[in-house]
Amino acid sequence: MAREGSKILLCIKDAEIIGCAHLELHDTRCELGMLVVKPGLQGRGIGKEIMQAAESVARESWRVKVITMSVISVRHELIDFYQRRGYRRTSRKKPFVADDTHGYPKSPSIEFEVLEKTIQ
């Protein structure tokens, strides 16, 4: 968290953290990760607001023009959600690392798909 080029955004309501996102700078692009909204509050636009805030922070703090994110490839509803927000599929894949930190998937074929958005 304290690393140079790393920011965590928190969405707080009534002194409770209800959402968050992590931004990490990589040269001329930024990676958006750990985008989370408290389960009982999903579907209320909070995720959209967090994404918009993350994009603004990336653009204003680091002057990046491209944001990427890695989404579990079988989570089609998430990929559709991100596509509606302007992210596009890149056809790039990354392996899912199965370990005590990241967890162990129930399906051995799980991988990440990289999505990308150009921000102005």
PDB file of N, CA and C in Angstrom:
ATOM      1  N   MET A   1       0.812  -1.194   0.000  1.00  0.00           N
ATOM      2  CA  MET A   1       0.000   0.000   0.000  1.00  0.00           C
ATOM      3  C   MET A   1       0.858   1.261   0.000  1.00  0.00           C
ATOM      4  N   ALA A   2       1.962   1.229   0.683  1.00  0.00           N
ATOM      5  CA  ALA A   2       2.793   2.412   0.799  1.00  0.00           C
ATOM      6  C   ALA A   2       3.768   2.560  -0.365  1.00  0.00           C
ATOM      7  N   ARG A   3       3.710   1.640  -1.315  1.00  0.00           N
ATOM      8  CA  ARG A   3       4.620   1.697  -2.457  1.00  0.00           C
ATOM      9  C   ARG A   3       4.358   2.921  -3.314  1.00  0.00           C
ATOM     10  N   GLU A   4       5.430   3.474  -3.846  1.00  0.00           N
ATOM     11  CA  GLU A   4       5.314   4.550  -4.828  1.00  0.00           C
ATOM     12  C   GLU A   4       4.517   4.028  -6.021  1.00  0.00           C
ATOM     13  N   GLY A   5       3.577   4.827  -6.526  1.00  0.00           N
ATOM     14  CA  GLY A   5       2.780   4.408  -7.668  1.00  0.00           C
ATOM     15  C   GLY A   5       1.641   3.475  -7.310  1.00  0.00           C
ATOM     16  N   SER A   6       1.214   3.508  -6.055  1.00  0.00           N
ATOM     17  CA  SER A   6       0.122   2.656  -5.613  1.00  0.00           C
ATOM     18  C   SER A   6      -0.840   3.499  -4.779  1.00  0.00           C
ATOM     19  N   LYS A   7      -2.118   3.397  -5.081  1.00  0.00           N
ATOM     20  CA  LYS A   7      -3.140   4.135  -4.325  1.00  0.00           C
ATOM     21  C   LYS A   7      -4.322   3.209  -4.061  1.00  0.00           C
ATOM     22  N   ILE A   8      -4.876   3.327  -2.883  1.00  0.00           N
ATOM     23  CA  ILE A   8      -6.109   2.613  -2.549  1.00  0.00           C
ATOM     24  C   ILE A   8      -7.190   3.653  -2.308  1.00  0.00           C
ATOM     25  N   LEU A   9      -8.292   3.496  -3.013  1.00  0.00           N
ATOM     26  CA  LEU A   9      -9.428   4.392  -2.847  1.00  0.00           C
ATOM     27  C   LEU A   9     -10.474   3.686  -1.998  1.00  0.00           C
ATOM     28  N   LEU A  10     -11.038   4.403  -1.062  1.00  0.00           N
ATOM     29  CA  LEU A  10     -12.077   3.850  -0.199  1.00  0.00           C
ATOM     30  C   LEU A  10     -13.378   4.603  -0.421  1.00  0.00           C
ATOM     31  N   CYS A  11     -14.464   3.879  -0.437  1.00  0.00           N
ATOM     32  CA  CYS A  11     -15.800   4.458  -0.485  1.00  0.00           C
ATOM     33  C   CYS A  11     -16.390   4.248   0.912  1.00  0.00           C
ATOM     34  N   ILE A  12     -16.664   5.351   1.593  1.00  0.00           N
ATOM     35  CA  ILE A  12     -17.106   5.288   2.991  1.00  0.00           C
ATOM     36  C   ILE A  12     -18.490   5.928   3.114  1.00  0.00           C
ATOM     37  N   LYS A  13     -19.362   5.228   3.820  1.00  0.00           N
ATOM     38  CA  LYS A  13     -20.693   5.758   4.111  1.00  0.00           C
ATOM     39  C   LYS A  13     -20.976   5.513   5.586  1.00  0.00           C
ATOM     40  N   ASP A  14     -21.339   6.563   6.290  1.00  0.00           N
ATOM     41  CA  ASP A  14     -21.646   6.465   7.722  1.00  0.00           C
ATOM     42  C   ASP A  14     -20.516   5.767   8.482  1.00  0.00           C
ATOM     43  N   ALA A  15     -19.288   6.165   8.224  1.00  0.00           N
ATOM     44  CA  ALA A  15     -18.082   5.647   8.895  1.00  0.00           C
ATOM     45  C   ALA A  15     -17.807   4.166   8.615  1.00  0.00           C
ATOM     46  N   GLU A  16     -18.429   3.612   7.579  1.00  0.00           N
ATOM     47  CA  GLU A  16     -18.205   2.212   7.207  1.00  0.00           C
ATOM     48  C   GLU A  16     -17.646   2.158   5.783  1.00  0.00           C
ATOM     49  N   ILE A  17     -16.617   1.351   5.593  1.00  0.00           N
ATOM     50  CA  ILE A  17     -16.084   1.146   4.253  1.00  0.00           C
ATOM     51  C   ILE A  17     -17.057   0.241   3.502  1.00  0.00           C
ATOM     52  N   ILE A  18     -17.603   0.756   2.396  1.00  0.00           N
ATOM     53  CA  ILE A  18     -18.568  -0.023   1.623  1.00  0.00           C
ATOM     54  C   ILE A  18     -18.024  -0.421   0.245  1.00  0.00           C
ATOM     55  N   GLY A  19     -16.839   0.073  -0.081  1.00  0.00           N
ATOM     56  CA  GLY A  19     -16.230  -0.273  -1.357  1.00  0.00           C
ATOM     57  C   GLY A  19     -14.797   0.206  -1.414  1.00  0.00           C
ATOM     58  N   CYS A  20     -14.050  -0.344  -2.368  1.00  0.00           N
ATOM     59  CA  CYS A  20     -12.663   0.085  -2.523  1.00  0.00           C
ATOM     60  C   CYS A  20     -12.161  -0.278  -3.911  1.00  0.00           C
ATOM     61  N   ALA A  21     -11.020   0.279  -4.241  1.00  0.00           N
ATOM     62  CA  ALA A  21     -10.320  -0.056  -5.480  1.00  0.00           C
ATOM     63  C   ALA A  21      -8.843   0.225  -5.264  1.00  0.00           C
ATOM     64  N   HIS A  22      -8.008  -0.479  -5.999  1.00  0.00           N
ATOM     65  CA  HIS A  22      -6.557  -0.287  -5.943  1.00  0.00           C
ATOM     66  C   HIS A  22      -6.077   0.146  -7.313  1.00  0.00           C
ATOM     67  N   LEU A  23      -5.245   1.165  -7.344  1.00  0.00           N
ATOM     68  CA  LEU A  23      -4.611   1.625  -8.574  1.00  0.00           C
ATOM     69  C   LEU A  23      -3.116   1.425  -8.446  1.00  0.00           C
ATOM     70  N   GLU A  24      -2.509   0.923  -9.508  1.00  0.00           N
ATOM     71  CA  GLU A  24      -1.064   0.734  -9.510  1.00  0.00           C
ATOM     72  C   GLU A  24      -0.504   1.229 -10.832  1.00  0.00           C
ATOM     73  N   LEU A  25       0.450   2.139 -10.739  1.00  0.00           N
ATOM     74  CA  LEU A  25       1.068   2.726 -11.918  1.00  0.00           C
ATOM     75  C   LEU A  25       2.123   1.793 -12.490  1.00  0.00           C
ATOM     76  N   HIS A  26       2.063   1.607 -13.810  1.00  0.00           N
ATOM     77  CA  HIS A  26       3.048   0.806 -14.549  1.00  0.00           C
ATOM     78  C   HIS A  26       3.467   1.618 -15.772  1.00  0.00           C
ATOM     79  N   ASP A  27       4.535   2.373 -15.636  1.00  0.00           N
ATOM     80  CA  ASP A  27       5.040   3.219 -16.729  1.00  0.00           C
ATOM     81  C   ASP A  27       3.966   4.179 -17.223  1.00  0.00           C
ATOM     82  N   THR A  28       3.413   3.940 -18.404  1.00  0.00           N
ATOM     83  CA  THR A  28       2.449   4.870 -18.999  1.00  0.00           C
ATOM     84  C   THR A  28       1.003   4.402 -18.870  1.00  0.00           C
ATOM     85  N   ARG A  29       0.786   3.347 -18.112  1.00  0.00           N
ATOM     86  CA  ARG A  29      -0.580   2.857 -17.913  1.00  0.00           C
ATOM     87  C   ARG A  29      -0.800   2.607 -16.425  1.00  0.00           C
ATOM     88  N   CYS A  30      -2.032   2.366 -16.087  1.00  0.00           N
ATOM     89  CA  CYS A  30      -2.402   2.127 -14.699  1.00  0.00           C
ATOM     90  C   CYS A  30      -3.246   0.867 -14.646  1.00  0.00           C
ATOM     91  N   GLU A  31      -3.054   0.079 -13.602  1.00  0.00           N
ATOM     92  CA  GLU A  31      -3.863  -1.121 -13.425  1.00  0.00           C
ATOM     93  C   GLU A  31      -4.866  -0.886 -12.296  1.00  0.00           C
ATOM     94  N   LEU A  32      -6.115  -1.187 -12.583  1.00  0.00           N
ATOM     95  CA  LEU A  32      -7.202  -1.081 -11.614  1.00  0.00           C
ATOM     96  C   LEU A  32      -7.498  -2.476 -11.093  1.00  0.00           C
ATOM     97  N   GLY A  33      -7.470  -2.633  -9.791  1.00  0.00           N
ATOM     98  CA  GLY A  33      -7.744  -3.937  -9.204  1.00  0.00           C
ATOM     99  C   GLY A  33      -8.456  -3.804  -7.877  1.00  0.00           C
ATOM    100  N   MET A  34      -8.765  -4.937  -7.285  1.00  0.00           N
ATOM    101  CA  MET A  34      -9.432  -5.001  -5.984  1.00  0.00           C
ATOM    102  C   MET A  34     -10.683  -4.121  -5.932  1.00  0.00           C
ATOM    103  N   LEU A  35     -11.396  -4.043  -7.048  1.00  0.00           N
ATOM    104  CA  LEU A  35     -12.635  -3.261  -7.082  1.00  0.00           C
ATOM    105  C   LEU A  35     -13.708  -4.078  -6.386  1.00  0.00           C
ATOM    106  N   VAL A  36     -14.172  -3.565  -5.259  1.00  0.00           N
ATOM    107  CA  VAL A  36     -15.110  -4.312  -4.415  1.00  0.00           C
ATOM    108  C   VAL A  36     -16.201  -3.380  -3.902  1.00  0.00           C
ATOM    109  N   VAL A  37     -17.430  -3.884  -3.913  1.00  0.00           N
ATOM    110  CA  VAL A  37     -18.557  -3.205  -3.271  1.00  0.00           C
ATOM    111  C   VAL A  37     -19.178  -4.204  -2.310  1.00  0.00           C
ATOM    112  N   LYS A  38     -19.489  -3.759  -1.127  1.00  0.00           N
ATOM    113  CA  LYS A  38     -20.106  -4.619  -0.119  1.00  0.00           C
ATOM    114  C   LYS A  38     -21.310  -5.338  -0.749  1.00  0.00           C
ATOM    115  N   PRO A  39     -21.372  -6.663  -0.609  1.00  0.00           N
ATOM    116  CA  PRO A  39     -22.398  -7.446  -1.321  1.00  0.00           C
ATOM    117  C   PRO A  39     -23.828  -6.932  -1.189  1.00  0.00           C
ATOM    118  N   GLY A  40     -24.263  -6.550  -0.035  1.00  0.00           N
ATOM    119  CA  GLY A  40     -25.641  -6.085   0.130  1.00  0.00           C
ATOM    120  C   GLY A  40     -25.933  -4.753  -0.541  1.00  0.00           C
ATOM    121  N   LEU A  41     -24.900  -4.065  -0.992  1.00  0.00           N
ATOM    122  CA  LEU A  41     -25.069  -2.753  -1.620  1.00  0.00           C
ATOM    123  C   LEU A  41     -24.783  -2.770  -3.119  1.00  0.00           C
ATOM    124  N   GLN A  42     -24.505  -3.935  -3.663  1.00  0.00           N
ATOM    125  CA  GLN A  42     -24.222  -4.029  -5.096  1.00  0.00           C
ATOM    126  C   GLN A  42     -25.483  -3.737  -5.896  1.00  0.00           C
ATOM    127  N   GLY A  43     -25.291  -3.230  -7.104  1.00  0.00           N
ATOM    128  CA  GLY A  43     -26.420  -2.906  -7.973  1.00  0.00           C
ATOM    129  C   GLY A  43     -27.003  -1.539  -7.724  1.00  0.00           C
ATOM    130  N   ARG A  44     -26.328  -0.705  -6.950  1.00  0.00           N
ATOM    131  CA  ARG A  44     -26.828   0.636  -6.630  1.00  0.00           C
ATOM    132  C   ARG A  44     -25.973   1.748  -7.249  1.00  0.00           C
ATOM    133  N   GLY A  45     -25.064   1.388  -8.141  1.00  0.00           N
ATOM    134  CA  GLY A  45     -24.234   2.399  -8.797  1.00  0.00           C
ATOM    135  C   GLY A  45     -22.938   2.726  -8.081  1.00  0.00           C
ATOM    136  N   ILE A  46     -22.688   2.093  -6.949  1.00  0.00           N
ATOM    137  CA  ILE A  46     -21.475   2.377  -6.179  1.00  0.00           C
ATOM    138  C   ILE A  46     -20.230   1.949  -6.958  1.00  0.00           C
ATOM    139  N   GLY A  47     -20.275   0.796  -7.584  1.00  0.00           N
ATOM    140  CA  GLY A  47     -19.143   0.322  -8.378  1.00  0.00           C
ATOM    141  C   GLY A  47     -18.810   1.277  -9.509  1.00  0.00           C
ATOM    142  N   LYS A  48     -19.835   1.793 -10.174  1.00  0.00           N
ATOM    143  CA  LYS A  48     -19.623   2.774 -11.244  1.00  0.00           C
ATOM    144  C   LYS A  48     -18.927   4.017 -10.706  1.00  0.00           C
ATOM    145  N   GLU A  49     -19.384   4.489  -9.543  1.00  0.00           N
ATOM    146  CA  GLU A  49     -18.789   5.682  -8.952  1.00  0.00           C
ATOM    147  C   GLU A  49     -17.335   5.449  -8.560  1.00  0.00           C
ATOM    148  N   ILE A  50     -17.046   4.288  -8.006  1.00  0.00           N
ATOM    149  CA  ILE A  50     -15.670   3.971  -7.629  1.00  0.00           C
ATOM    150  C   ILE A  50     -14.790   3.918  -8.877  1.00  0.00           C
ATOM    151  N   MET A  51     -15.298   3.294  -9.944  1.00  0.00           N
ATOM    152  CA  MET A  51     -14.527   3.221 -11.189  1.00  0.00           C
ATOM    153  C   MET A  51     -14.271   4.606 -11.755  1.00  0.00           C
ATOM    154  N   GLN A  52     -15.276   5.471 -11.760  1.00  0.00           N
ATOM    155  CA  GLN A  52     -15.100   6.831 -12.263  1.00  0.00           C
ATOM    156  C   GLN A  52     -14.082   7.595 -11.420  1.00  0.00           C
ATOM    157  N   ALA A  53     -14.147   7.419 -10.103  1.00  0.00           N
ATOM    158  CA  ALA A  53     -13.180   8.083  -9.224  1.00  0.00           C
ATOM    159  C   ALA A  53     -11.769   7.563  -9.493  1.00  0.00           C
ATOM    160  N   ALA A  54     -11.637   6.251  -9.666  1.00  0.00           N
ATOM    161  CA  ALA A  54     -10.319   5.656  -9.939  1.00  0.00           C
ATOM    162  C   ALA A  54      -9.752   6.189 -11.250  1.00  0.00           C
ATOM    163  N   GLU A  55     -10.595   6.287 -12.272  1.00  0.00           N
ATOM    164  CA  GLU A  55     -10.140   6.806 -13.555  1.00  0.00           C
ATOM    165  C   GLU A  55      -9.700   8.259 -13.430  1.00  0.00           C
ATOM    166  N   SER A  56     -10.432   9.054 -12.670  1.00  0.00           N
ATOM    167  CA  SER A  56     -10.056  10.454 -12.454  1.00  0.00           C
ATOM    168  C   SER A  56      -8.732  10.569 -11.704  1.00  0.00           C
ATOM    169  N   VAL A  57      -8.566   9.762 -10.668  1.00  0.00           N
ATOM    170  CA  VAL A  57      -7.313   9.786  -9.906  1.00  0.00           C
ATOM    171  C   VAL A  57      -6.146   9.396 -10.799  1.00  0.00           C
ATOM    172  N   ALA A  58      -6.303   8.355 -11.598  1.00  0.00           N
ATOM    173  CA  ALA A  58      -5.229   7.903 -12.488  1.00  0.00           C
ATOM    174  C   ALA A  58      -4.868   8.995 -13.498  1.00  0.00           C
ATOM    175  N   ARG A  59      -5.875   9.612 -14.051  1.00  0.00           N
ATOM    176  CA  ARG A  59      -5.656  10.649 -15.064  1.00  0.00           C
ATOM    177  C   ARG A  59      -5.006  11.892 -14.431  1.00  0.00           C
ATOM    178  N   GLU A  60      -5.524  12.334 -13.291  1.00  0.00           N
ATOM    179  CA  GLU A  60      -5.052  13.576 -12.685  1.00  0.00           C
ATOM    180  C   GLU A  60      -3.739  13.410 -11.924  1.00  0.00           C
ATOM    181  N   SER A  61      -3.549  12.276 -11.246  1.00  0.00           N
ATOM    182  CA  SER A  61      -2.335  12.072 -10.456  1.00  0.00           C
ATOM    183  C   SER A  61      -1.150  11.643 -11.301  1.00  0.00           C
ATOM    184  N   TRP A  62      -1.403  10.791 -12.285  1.00  0.00           N
ATOM    185  CA  TRP A  62      -0.302  10.177 -13.018  1.00  0.00           C
ATOM    186  C   TRP A  62      -0.321  10.504 -14.508  1.00  0.00           C
ATOM    187  N   ARG A  63      -1.361  11.199 -14.976  1.00  0.00           N
ATOM    188  CA  ARG A  63      -1.469  11.576 -16.385  1.00  0.00           C
ATOM    189  C   ARG A  63      -1.476  10.379 -17.334  1.00  0.00           C
ATOM    190  N   VAL A  64      -1.966   9.244 -16.852  1.00  0.00           N
ATOM    191  CA  VAL A  64      -2.033   8.065 -17.722  1.00  0.00           C
ATOM    192  C   VAL A  64      -3.244   8.185 -18.637  1.00  0.00           C
ATOM    193  N   LYS A  65      -3.173   7.506 -19.752  1.00  0.00           N
ATOM    194  CA  LYS A  65      -4.273   7.522 -20.714  1.00  0.00           C
ATOM    195  C   LYS A  65      -4.916   6.152 -20.874  1.00  0.00           C
ATOM    196  N   VAL A  66      -4.296   5.120 -20.267  1.00  0.00           N
ATOM    197  CA  VAL A  66      -4.825   3.759 -20.394  1.00  0.00           C
ATOM    198  C   VAL A  66      -4.893   3.105 -19.017  1.00  0.00           C
ATOM    199  N   ILE A  67      -6.048   2.512 -18.733  1.00  0.00           N
ATOM    200  CA  ILE A  67      -6.237   1.730 -17.510  1.00  0.00           C
ATOM    201  C   ILE A  67      -6.513   0.294 -17.935  1.00  0.00           C
ATOM    202  N   THR A  68      -5.878  -0.649 -17.248  1.00  0.00           N
ATOM    203  CA  THR A  68      -6.141  -2.062 -17.500  1.00  0.00           C
ATOM    204  C   THR A  68      -6.695  -2.698 -16.239  1.00  0.00           C
ATOM    205  N   MET A  69      -7.347  -3.820 -16.422  1.00  0.00           N
ATOM    206  CA  MET A  69      -7.800  -4.617 -15.282  1.00  0.00           C
ATOM    207  C   MET A  69      -7.802  -6.076 -15.698  1.00  0.00           C
ATOM    208  N   SER A  70      -7.647  -6.953 -14.733  1.00  0.00           N
ATOM    209  CA  SER A  70      -7.672  -8.391 -14.980  1.00  0.00           C
ATOM    210  C   SER A  70      -8.909  -8.962 -14.312  1.00  0.00           C
ATOM    211  N   VAL A  71      -9.718  -9.673 -15.111  1.00  0.00           N
ATOM    212  CA  VAL A  71     -10.988 -10.213 -14.634  1.00  0.00           C
ATOM    213  C   VAL A  71     -10.971 -11.723 -14.857  1.00  0.00           C
ATOM    214  N   ILE A  72     -11.459 -12.474 -13.892  1.00  0.00           N
ATOM    215  CA  ILE A  72     -11.546 -13.922 -14.059  1.00  0.00           C
ATOM    216  C   ILE A  72     -12.397 -14.196 -15.298  1.00  0.00           C
ATOM    217  N   SER A  73     -11.836 -14.945 -16.229  1.00  0.00           N
ATOM    218  CA  SER A  73     -12.426 -15.099 -17.557  1.00  0.00           C
ATOM    219  C   SER A  73     -13.823 -15.715 -17.566  1.00  0.00           C
ATOM    220  N   VAL A  74     -14.172 -16.503 -16.580  1.00  0.00           N
ATOM    221  CA  VAL A  74     -15.499 -17.129 -16.557  1.00  0.00           C
ATOM    222  C   VAL A  74     -16.562 -16.241 -15.914  1.00  0.00           C
ATOM    223  N   ARG A  75     -16.171 -15.057 -15.432  1.00  0.00           N
ATOM    224  CA  ARG A  75     -17.123 -14.122 -14.821  1.00  0.00           C
ATOM    225  C   ARG A  75     -17.694 -13.193 -15.896  1.00  0.00           C
ATOM    226  N   HIS A  76     -18.515 -13.774 -16.775  1.00  0.00           N
ATOM    227  CA  HIS A  76     -19.046 -13.051 -17.927  1.00  0.00           C
ATOM    228  C   HIS A  76     -19.860 -11.830 -17.520  1.00  0.00           C
ATOM    229  N   GLU A  77     -20.592 -11.920 -16.403  1.00  0.00           N
ATOM    230  CA  GLU A  77     -21.396 -10.772 -15.964  1.00  0.00           C
ATOM    231  C   GLU A  77     -20.506  -9.596 -15.577  1.00  0.00           C
ATOM    232  N   LEU A  78     -19.328  -9.881 -15.005  1.00  0.00           N
ATOM    233  CA  LEU A  78     -18.391  -8.804 -14.677  1.00  0.00           C
ATOM    234  C   LEU A  78     -17.775  -8.213 -15.936  1.00  0.00           C
ATOM    235  N   ILE A  79     -17.386  -9.063 -16.851  1.00  0.00           N
ATOM    236  CA  ILE A  79     -16.814  -8.573 -18.113  1.00  0.00           C
ATOM    237  C   ILE A  79     -17.844  -7.701 -18.829  1.00  0.00           C
ATOM    238  N   ASP A  80     -19.105  -8.130 -18.851  1.00  0.00           N
ATOM    239  CA  ASP A  80     -20.166  -7.324 -19.471  1.00  0.00           C
ATOM    240  C   ASP A  80     -20.315  -5.976 -18.758  1.00  0.00           C
ATOM    241  N   PHE A  81     -20.276  -5.972 -17.418  1.00  0.00           N
ATOM    242  CA  PHE A  81     -20.371  -4.742 -16.627  1.00  0.00           C
ATOM    243  C   PHE A  81     -19.256  -3.779 -17.015  1.00  0.00           C
ATOM    244  N   TYR A  82     -18.030  -4.283 -17.089  1.00  0.00           N
ATOM    245  CA  TYR A  82     -16.890  -3.426 -17.420  1.00  0.00           C
ATOM    246  C   TYR A  82     -16.960  -2.946 -18.868  1.00  0.00           C
ATOM    247  N   GLN A  83     -17.440  -3.784 -19.764  1.00  0.00           N
ATOM    248  CA  GLN A  83     -17.583  -3.358 -21.156  1.00  0.00           C
ATOM    249  C   GLN A  83     -18.596  -2.218 -21.279  1.00  0.00           C
ATOM    250  N   ARG A  84     -19.657  -2.264 -20.499  1.00  0.00           N
ATOM    251  CA  ARG A  84     -20.641  -1.174 -20.518  1.00  0.00           C
ATOM    252  C   ARG A  84     -20.036   0.129 -20.010  1.00  0.00           C
ATOM    253  N   ARG A  85     -18.942   0.040 -19.290  1.00  0.00           N
ATOM    254  CA  ARG A  85     -18.246   1.212 -18.778  1.00  0.00           C
ATOM    255  C   ARG A  85     -17.058   1.616 -19.647  1.00  0.00           C
ATOM    256  N   GLY A  86     -16.965   1.042 -20.835  1.00  0.00           N
ATOM    257  CA  GLY A  86     -15.951   1.463 -21.793  1.00  0.00           C
ATOM    258  C   GLY A  86     -14.688   0.620 -21.848  1.00  0.00           C
ATOM    259  N   TYR A  87     -14.601  -0.422 -21.038  1.00  0.00           N
ATOM    260  CA  TYR A  87     -13.434  -1.303 -21.099  1.00  0.00           C
ATOM    261  C   TYR A  87     -13.627  -2.271 -22.258  1.00  0.00           C
ATOM    262  N   ARG A  88     -12.539  -2.597 -22.914  1.00  0.00           N
ATOM    263  CA  ARG A  88     -12.636  -3.513 -24.042  1.00  0.00           C
ATOM    264  C   ARG A  88     -11.766  -4.734 -23.799  1.00  0.00           C
ATOM    265  N   ARG A  89     -12.183  -5.818 -24.396  1.00  0.00           N
ATOM    266  CA  ARG A  89     -11.422  -7.064 -24.288  1.00  0.00           C
ATOM    267  C   ARG A  89     -10.177  -6.946 -25.158  1.00  0.00           C
ATOM    268  N   THR A  90      -9.053  -7.421 -24.638  1.00  0.00           N
ATOM    269  CA  THR A  90      -7.790  -7.310 -25.372  1.00  0.00           C
ATOM    270  C   THR A  90      -7.340  -8.641 -25.951  1.00  0.00           C
ATOM    271  N   SER A  91      -7.953  -9.715 -25.575  1.00  0.00           N
ATOM    272  CA  SER A  91      -7.574 -11.100 -25.910  1.00  0.00           C
ATOM    273  C   SER A  91      -6.289 -11.540 -25.209  1.00  0.00           C
ATOM    274  N   ARG A  92      -5.755 -10.685 -24.328  1.00  0.00           N
ATOM    275  CA  ARG A  92      -4.595 -11.089 -23.524  1.00  0.00           C
ATOM    276  C   ARG A  92      -5.099 -11.836 -22.288  1.00  0.00           C
ATOM    277  N   LYS A  93      -4.399 -12.889 -21.941  1.00  0.00           N
ATOM    278  CA  LYS A  93      -4.759 -13.717 -20.782  1.00  0.00           C
ATOM    279  C   LYS A  93      -3.576 -13.750 -19.817  1.00  0.00           C
ATOM    280  N   LYS A  94      -3.894 -13.965 -18.547  1.00  0.00           N
ATOM    281  CA  LYS A  94      -2.877 -14.138 -17.510  1.00  0.00           C
ATOM    282  C   LYS A  94      -3.274 -15.348 -16.675  1.00  0.00           C
ATOM    283  N   PRO A  95      -2.320 -16.119 -16.228  1.00  0.00           N
ATOM    284  CA  PRO A  95      -2.674 -17.294 -15.423  1.00  0.00           C
ATOM    285  C   PRO A  95      -3.186 -16.895 -14.041  1.00  0.00           C
ATOM    286  N   PHE A  96      -4.056 -17.711 -13.504  1.00  0.00           N
ATOM    287  CA  PHE A  96      -4.507 -17.561 -12.117  1.00  0.00           C
ATOM    288  C   PHE A  96      -3.519 -18.322 -11.253  1.00  0.00           C
ATOM    289  N   VAL A  97      -2.894 -17.630 -10.321  1.00  0.00           N
ATOM    290  CA  VAL A  97      -1.915 -18.266  -9.438  1.00  0.00           C
ATOM    291  C   VAL A  97      -2.665 -18.883  -8.264  1.00  0.00           C
ATOM    292  N   ALA A  98      -2.648 -20.190  -8.169  1.00  0.00           N
ATOM    293  CA  ALA A  98      -3.344 -20.892  -7.081  1.00  0.00           C
ATOM    294  C   ALA A  98      -2.360 -21.111  -5.941  1.00  0.00           C
ATOM    295  N   ASP A  99      -2.631 -20.461  -4.810  1.00  0.00           N
ATOM    296  CA  ASP A  99      -1.802 -20.627  -3.620  1.00  0.00           C
ATOM    297  C   ASP A  99      -2.596 -20.158  -2.404  1.00  0.00           C
ATOM    298  N   ASP A 100      -1.978 -20.181  -1.253  1.00  0.00           N
ATOM    299  CA  ASP A 100      -2.677 -19.801  -0.023  1.00  0.00           C
ATOM    300  C   ASP A 100      -3.066 -18.319  -0.010  1.00  0.00           C
ATOM    301  N   THR A 101      -2.359 -17.485  -0.759  1.00  0.00           N
ATOM    302  CA  THR A 101      -2.676 -16.061  -0.812  1.00  0.00           C
ATOM    303  C   THR A 101      -3.850 -15.782  -1.746  1.00  0.00           C
ATOM    304  N   HIS A 102      -3.830 -16.375  -2.929  1.00  0.00           N
ATOM    305  CA  HIS A 102      -4.841 -16.095  -3.946  1.00  0.00           C
ATOM    306  C   HIS A 102      -6.025 -17.050  -3.905  1.00  0.00           C
ATOM    307  N   GLY A 103      -5.873 -18.169  -3.240  1.00  0.00           N
ATOM    308  CA  GLY A 103      -6.944 -19.147  -3.155  1.00  0.00           C
ATOM    309  C   GLY A 103      -6.764 -20.262  -4.174  1.00  0.00           C
ATOM    310  N   TYR A 104      -7.649 -21.234  -4.085  1.00  0.00           N
ATOM    311  CA  TYR A 104      -7.602 -22.400  -4.962  1.00  0.00           C
ATOM    312  C   TYR A 104      -8.920 -22.501  -5.714  1.00  0.00           C
ATOM    313  N   PRO A 105      -8.886 -22.351  -7.033  1.00  0.00           N
ATOM    314  CA  PRO A 105     -10.137 -22.388  -7.803  1.00  0.00           C
ATOM    315  C   PRO A 105     -10.738 -23.782  -7.840  1.00  0.00           C
ATOM    316  N   LYS A 106     -12.048 -23.830  -7.994  1.00  0.00           N
ATOM    317  CA  LYS A 106     -12.750 -25.107  -8.118  1.00  0.00           C
ATOM    318  C   LYS A 106     -12.581 -25.698  -9.513  1.00  0.00           C
ATOM    319  N   SER A 107     -12.287 -24.851 -10.481  1.00  0.00           N
ATOM    320  CA  SER A 107     -12.059 -25.304 -11.849  1.00  0.00           C
ATOM    321  C   SER A 107     -10.599 -25.051 -12.218  1.00  0.00           C
ATOM    322  N   PRO A 108      -9.901 -26.039 -12.735  1.00  0.00           N
ATOM    323  CA  PRO A 108      -8.480 -25.848 -13.061  1.00  0.00           C
ATOM    324  C   PRO A 108      -8.245 -24.949 -14.271  1.00  0.00           C
ATOM    325  N   SER A 109      -9.285 -24.628 -15.021  1.00  0.00           N
ATOM    326  CA  SER A 109      -9.108 -23.849 -16.247  1.00  0.00           C
ATOM    327  C   SER A 109      -9.299 -22.345 -16.047  1.00  0.00           C
ATOM    328  N   ILE A 110      -9.323 -21.884 -14.816  1.00  0.00           N
ATOM    329  CA  ILE A 110      -9.540 -20.460 -14.564  1.00  0.00           C
ATOM    330  C   ILE A 110      -8.295 -19.665 -14.932  1.00  0.00           C
ATOM    331  N   GLU A 111      -8.530 -18.543 -15.610  1.00  0.00           N
ATOM    332  CA  GLU A 111      -7.463 -17.612 -15.949  1.00  0.00           C
ATOM    333  C   GLU A 111      -8.038 -16.204 -15.915  1.00  0.00           C
ATOM    334  N   PHE A 112      -7.170 -15.218 -16.012  1.00  0.00           N
ATOM    335  CA  PHE A 112      -7.601 -13.828 -16.058  1.00  0.00           C
ATOM    336  C   PHE A 112      -7.621 -13.346 -17.500  1.00  0.00           C
ATOM    337  N   GLU A 113      -8.597 -12.524 -17.806  1.00  0.00           N
ATOM    338  CA  GLU A 113      -8.643 -11.837 -19.091  1.00  0.00           C
ATOM    339  C   GLU A 113      -8.345 -10.366 -18.825  1.00  0.00           C
ATOM    340  N   VAL A 114      -7.484  -9.779 -19.648  1.00  0.00           N
ATOM    341  CA  VAL A 114      -7.091  -8.386 -19.464  1.00  0.00           C
ATOM    342  C   VAL A 114      -8.037  -7.501 -20.273  1.00  0.00           C
ATOM    343  N   LEU A 115      -8.645  -6.528 -19.584  1.00  0.00           N
ATOM    344  CA  LEU A 115      -9.490  -5.522 -20.213  1.00  0.00           C
ATOM    345  C   LEU A 115      -8.750  -4.196 -20.171  1.00  0.00           C
ATOM    346  N   GLU A 116      -9.128  -3.275 -21.063  1.00  0.00           N
ATOM    347  CA  GLU A 116      -8.392  -2.031 -21.185  1.00  0.00           C
ATOM    348  C   GLU A 116      -9.352  -0.905 -21.544  1.00  0.00           C
ATOM    349  N   LYS A 117      -9.046   0.285 -21.033  1.00  0.00           N
ATOM    350  CA  LYS A 117      -9.857   1.455 -21.359  1.00  0.00           C
ATOM    351  C   LYS A 117      -8.933   2.641 -21.576  1.00  0.00           C
ATOM    352  N   THR A 118      -9.200   3.400 -22.635  1.00  0.00           N
ATOM    353  CA  THR A 118      -8.496   4.652 -22.862  1.00  0.00           C
ATOM    354  C   THR A 118      -9.278   5.747 -22.158  1.00  0.00           C
ATOM    355  N   ILE A 119      -8.592   6.517 -21.322  1.00  0.00           N
ATOM    356  CA  ILE A 119      -9.263   7.605 -20.594  1.00  0.00           C
ATOM    357  C   ILE A 119      -8.729   8.932 -21.115  1.00  0.00           C
ATOM    358  N   GLN A 120      -9.583   9.908 -21.185  1.00  0.00           N
ATOM    359  CA  GLN A 120      -9.199  11.236 -21.698  1.00  0.00           C
ATOM    360  C   GLN A 120      -9.093  12.234 -20.579  1.00  0.00           C
TER     361      GLN A 120
END
